[in-house]
Amino acid sequence: MFSVKIGNNAIMREIGDSILLTKERVRSLKDVPVVVKVVSGRGKNCLVSGKITAVFPSVFTLTTDAGEMKTFSYSDVHS
């Protein structure tokens, strides 16, 4: 599930949304502080907070609040 929290507002992915819509939402959140729920498989999820700093056709880069750079595919946040 793609879940991004901006302040007290959450933007949740609706069931049936396409990966293209997920990509567009990620692009629109570039340089905005976010909390991203990442699906890491087999029922494992983790929350990562920071800013989306770069957006590419297949992946995006998030700089965490601690300064660490992490790269995710759109399917990591789409499920």
N, C-alpha and C. Protein backbone atom coordinates (compact mmCIF):
# COMPACT_ATOMS: atom_id res chain seq x y z
N MET A 1 0.84 -1.17 0.00
CA MET A 1 0.00 0.00 0.00
C MET A 1 0.89 1.23 0.00
N PHE A 2 0.55 2.16 -0.80
CA PHE A 2 1.26 3.43 -0.88
C PHE A 2 0.60 4.39 0.08
N SER A 3 1.32 4.78 1.08
CA SER A 3 0.77 5.68 2.07
C SER A 3 1.78 6.77 2.34
N VAL A 4 1.41 7.98 2.08
CA VAL A 4 2.29 9.10 2.34
C VAL A 4 1.57 10.04 3.27
N LYS A 5 2.27 10.50 4.28
CA LYS A 5 1.65 11.41 5.23
C LYS A 5 2.31 12.77 5.12
N ILE A 6 1.51 13.79 4.88
CA ILE A 6 1.98 15.17 4.83
C ILE A 6 1.27 15.91 5.95
N GLY A 7 2.01 16.27 6.98
CA GLY A 7 1.36 16.88 8.14
C GLY A 7 0.40 15.89 8.75
N ASN A 8 -0.85 16.28 8.90
CA ASN A 8 -1.86 15.37 9.45
C ASN A 8 -2.70 14.73 8.37
N ASN A 9 -2.36 14.96 7.10
CA ASN A 9 -3.15 14.44 5.99
C ASN A 9 -2.44 13.25 5.36
N ALA A 10 -3.15 12.20 5.16
CA ALA A 10 -2.58 11.01 4.52
C ALA A 10 -3.14 10.87 3.11
N ILE A 11 -2.26 10.57 2.17
CA ILE A 11 -2.68 10.27 0.81
C ILE A 11 -2.53 8.77 0.65
N MET A 12 -3.62 8.07 0.58
CA MET A 12 -3.58 6.62 0.49
C MET A 12 -3.89 6.18 -0.93
N ARG A 13 -3.25 5.11 -1.34
CA ARG A 13 -3.53 4.53 -2.65
C ARG A 13 -4.86 3.81 -2.57
N GLU A 14 -5.69 4.05 -3.53
CA GLU A 14 -6.98 3.35 -3.61
C GLU A 14 -6.77 2.00 -4.28
N ILE A 15 -7.57 1.03 -3.89
CA ILE A 15 -7.52 -0.28 -4.52
C ILE A 15 -7.80 -0.11 -6.01
N GLY A 16 -7.00 -0.72 -6.84
CA GLY A 16 -7.20 -0.65 -8.28
C GLY A 16 -6.40 0.46 -8.96
N ASP A 17 -5.74 1.32 -8.18
CA ASP A 17 -4.90 2.35 -8.80
C ASP A 17 -3.76 1.68 -9.55
N SER A 18 -3.39 2.27 -10.66
CA SER A 18 -2.31 1.69 -11.46
C SER A 18 -0.96 2.17 -10.96
N ILE A 19 0.08 1.50 -11.39
CA ILE A 19 1.44 1.90 -11.04
C ILE A 19 1.75 3.28 -11.62
N LEU A 20 1.10 3.64 -12.73
CA LEU A 20 1.31 4.97 -13.32
C LEU A 20 0.82 6.06 -12.38
N LEU A 21 -0.29 5.82 -11.71
CA LEU A 21 -0.80 6.80 -10.75
C LEU A 21 0.14 6.91 -9.55
N THR A 22 0.70 5.79 -9.12
CA THR A 22 1.67 5.80 -8.04
C THR A 22 2.88 6.63 -8.43
N LYS A 23 3.38 6.44 -9.65
CA LYS A 23 4.52 7.24 -10.13
C LYS A 23 4.21 8.72 -10.13
N GLU A 24 3.02 9.07 -10.58
CA GLU A 24 2.62 10.48 -10.62
C GLU A 24 2.54 11.08 -9.22
N ARG A 25 2.01 10.32 -8.28
CA ARG A 25 1.93 10.81 -6.90
C ARG A 25 3.33 11.01 -6.30
N VAL A 26 4.24 10.09 -6.58
CA VAL A 26 5.60 10.23 -6.08
C VAL A 26 6.24 11.48 -6.70
N ARG A 27 6.06 11.68 -8.00
CA ARG A 27 6.62 12.87 -8.66
C ARG A 27 6.08 14.15 -8.03
N SER A 28 4.81 14.17 -7.70
CA SER A 28 4.20 15.38 -7.14
C SER A 28 4.69 15.67 -5.72
N LEU A 29 5.28 14.68 -5.06
CA LEU A 29 5.75 14.85 -3.68
C LEU A 29 7.25 15.11 -3.59
N LYS A 30 7.90 15.35 -4.71
CA LYS A 30 9.35 15.61 -4.71
C LYS A 30 9.63 16.85 -3.87
N ASP A 31 10.65 16.75 -3.01
CA ASP A 31 11.10 17.83 -2.12
C ASP A 31 10.10 18.22 -1.03
N VAL A 32 9.13 17.35 -0.77
CA VAL A 32 8.16 17.58 0.30
C VAL A 32 8.44 16.56 1.40
N PRO A 33 8.47 16.96 2.68
CA PRO A 33 8.67 15.97 3.75
C PRO A 33 7.55 14.93 3.74
N VAL A 34 7.92 13.66 3.72
CA VAL A 34 6.94 12.57 3.65
C VAL A 34 7.33 11.43 4.60
N VAL A 35 6.35 10.60 4.90
CA VAL A 35 6.57 9.32 5.56
C VAL A 35 6.03 8.28 4.59
N VAL A 36 6.90 7.38 4.14
CA VAL A 36 6.53 6.39 3.13
C VAL A 36 6.50 5.01 3.77
N LYS A 37 5.40 4.29 3.54
CA LYS A 37 5.29 2.90 3.99
C LYS A 37 5.80 2.03 2.85
N VAL A 38 6.89 1.31 3.11
CA VAL A 38 7.52 0.48 2.10
C VAL A 38 7.18 -0.98 2.37
N VAL A 39 6.68 -1.66 1.34
CA VAL A 39 6.36 -3.08 1.43
C VAL A 39 7.60 -3.86 1.05
N SER A 40 8.16 -4.61 2.01
CA SER A 40 9.38 -5.34 1.73
C SER A 40 9.17 -6.83 1.53
N GLY A 41 7.93 -7.25 1.40
CA GLY A 41 7.63 -8.64 1.07
C GLY A 41 7.28 -9.48 2.27
N ARG A 42 6.51 -10.54 2.02
CA ARG A 42 6.08 -11.49 3.04
C ARG A 42 5.48 -10.82 4.27
N GLY A 43 4.68 -9.82 4.02
CA GLY A 43 3.99 -9.15 5.11
C GLY A 43 4.83 -8.18 5.90
N LYS A 44 6.05 -7.92 5.45
CA LYS A 44 6.93 -7.00 6.16
C LYS A 44 6.80 -5.60 5.57
N ASN A 45 6.65 -4.64 6.45
CA ASN A 45 6.54 -3.24 6.04
C ASN A 45 7.46 -2.41 6.93
N CYS A 46 7.90 -1.28 6.40
CA CYS A 46 8.65 -0.35 7.24
C CYS A 46 8.27 1.07 6.84
N LEU A 47 8.39 1.98 7.78
CA LEU A 47 8.12 3.39 7.53
C LEU A 47 9.44 4.12 7.40
N VAL A 48 9.55 4.95 6.38
CA VAL A 48 10.74 5.74 6.14
C VAL A 48 10.31 7.19 6.02
N SER A 49 10.91 8.08 6.81
CA SER A 49 10.57 9.49 6.71
C SER A 49 11.74 10.27 6.14
N GLY A 50 11.42 11.26 5.33
CA GLY A 50 12.44 12.08 4.69
C GLY A 50 11.83 12.85 3.54
N LYS A 51 12.66 13.15 2.52
CA LYS A 51 12.20 13.87 1.34
C LYS A 51 12.57 13.08 0.09
N ILE A 52 11.66 13.03 -0.86
CA ILE A 52 11.94 12.42 -2.16
C ILE A 52 12.81 13.42 -2.91
N THR A 53 14.04 13.02 -3.23
CA THR A 53 14.99 13.97 -3.82
C THR A 53 15.20 13.77 -5.31
N ALA A 54 14.93 12.58 -5.83
CA ALA A 54 15.11 12.32 -7.26
C ALA A 54 14.07 11.32 -7.73
N VAL A 55 13.57 11.55 -8.94
CA VAL A 55 12.55 10.67 -9.52
C VAL A 55 13.03 10.23 -10.89
N PHE A 56 13.06 8.92 -11.12
CA PHE A 56 13.49 8.33 -12.38
C PHE A 56 12.38 7.44 -12.92
N PRO A 57 12.48 6.97 -14.16
CA PRO A 57 11.40 6.16 -14.74
C PRO A 57 11.06 4.89 -13.94
N SER A 58 12.05 4.24 -13.33
CA SER A 58 11.77 2.98 -12.64
C SER A 58 11.95 3.04 -11.13
N VAL A 59 12.65 4.04 -10.63
CA VAL A 59 12.93 4.15 -9.20
C VAL A 59 12.87 5.61 -8.76
N PHE A 60 12.85 5.81 -7.44
CA PHE A 60 12.98 7.16 -6.89
C PHE A 60 13.90 7.09 -5.67
N THR A 61 14.51 8.22 -5.36
CA THR A 61 15.45 8.29 -4.25
C THR A 61 14.86 9.16 -3.15
N LEU A 62 14.99 8.66 -1.93
CA LEU A 62 14.49 9.37 -0.77
C LEU A 62 15.67 9.61 0.17
N THR A 63 15.85 10.84 0.62
CA THR A 63 16.86 11.15 1.63
C THR A 63 16.15 11.16 2.97
N THR A 64 16.59 10.27 3.86
CA THR A 64 15.93 10.13 5.16
C THR A 64 16.25 11.33 6.04
N ASP A 65 15.51 11.45 7.13
CA ASP A 65 15.75 12.53 8.09
C ASP A 65 17.15 12.44 8.69
N ALA A 66 17.73 11.23 8.71
CA ALA A 66 19.08 11.02 9.23
C ALA A 66 20.15 11.30 8.18
N GLY A 67 19.74 11.64 6.94
CA GLY A 67 20.69 11.96 5.88
C GLY A 67 21.08 10.79 5.00
N GLU A 68 20.53 9.63 5.25
CA GLU A 68 20.83 8.44 4.46
C GLU A 68 20.01 8.45 3.17
N MET A 69 20.61 8.08 2.05
CA MET A 69 19.89 8.02 0.78
C MET A 69 19.42 6.58 0.53
N LYS A 70 18.14 6.44 0.22
CA LYS A 70 17.57 5.12 -0.08
C LYS A 70 16.87 5.20 -1.42
N THR A 71 16.97 4.13 -2.19
CA THR A 71 16.33 4.07 -3.50
C THR A 71 15.26 2.98 -3.47
N PHE A 72 14.08 3.31 -4.00
CA PHE A 72 12.96 2.40 -4.01
C PHE A 72 12.38 2.32 -5.42
N SER A 73 11.86 1.17 -5.77
CA SER A 73 11.08 1.07 -7.00
C SER A 73 9.65 1.47 -6.66
N TYR A 74 8.89 1.82 -7.67
CA TYR A 74 7.50 2.23 -7.42
C TYR A 74 6.68 1.07 -6.89
N SER A 75 7.03 -0.15 -7.27
CA SER A 75 6.29 -1.30 -6.75
C SER A 75 6.55 -1.53 -5.27
N ASP A 76 7.64 -1.00 -4.73
CA ASP A 76 7.90 -1.09 -3.29
C ASP A 76 6.86 -0.34 -2.48
N VAL A 77 6.29 0.70 -3.05
CA VAL A 77 5.31 1.51 -2.33
C VAL A 77 3.91 1.38 -2.91
N HIS A 78 3.77 0.63 -3.99
CA HIS A 78 2.49 0.50 -4.69
C HIS A 78 1.58 -0.57 -4.10
N SER A 79 2.14 -1.65 -3.65
CA SER A 79 1.34 -2.82 -3.25
C SER A 79 0.29 -2.52 -2.21
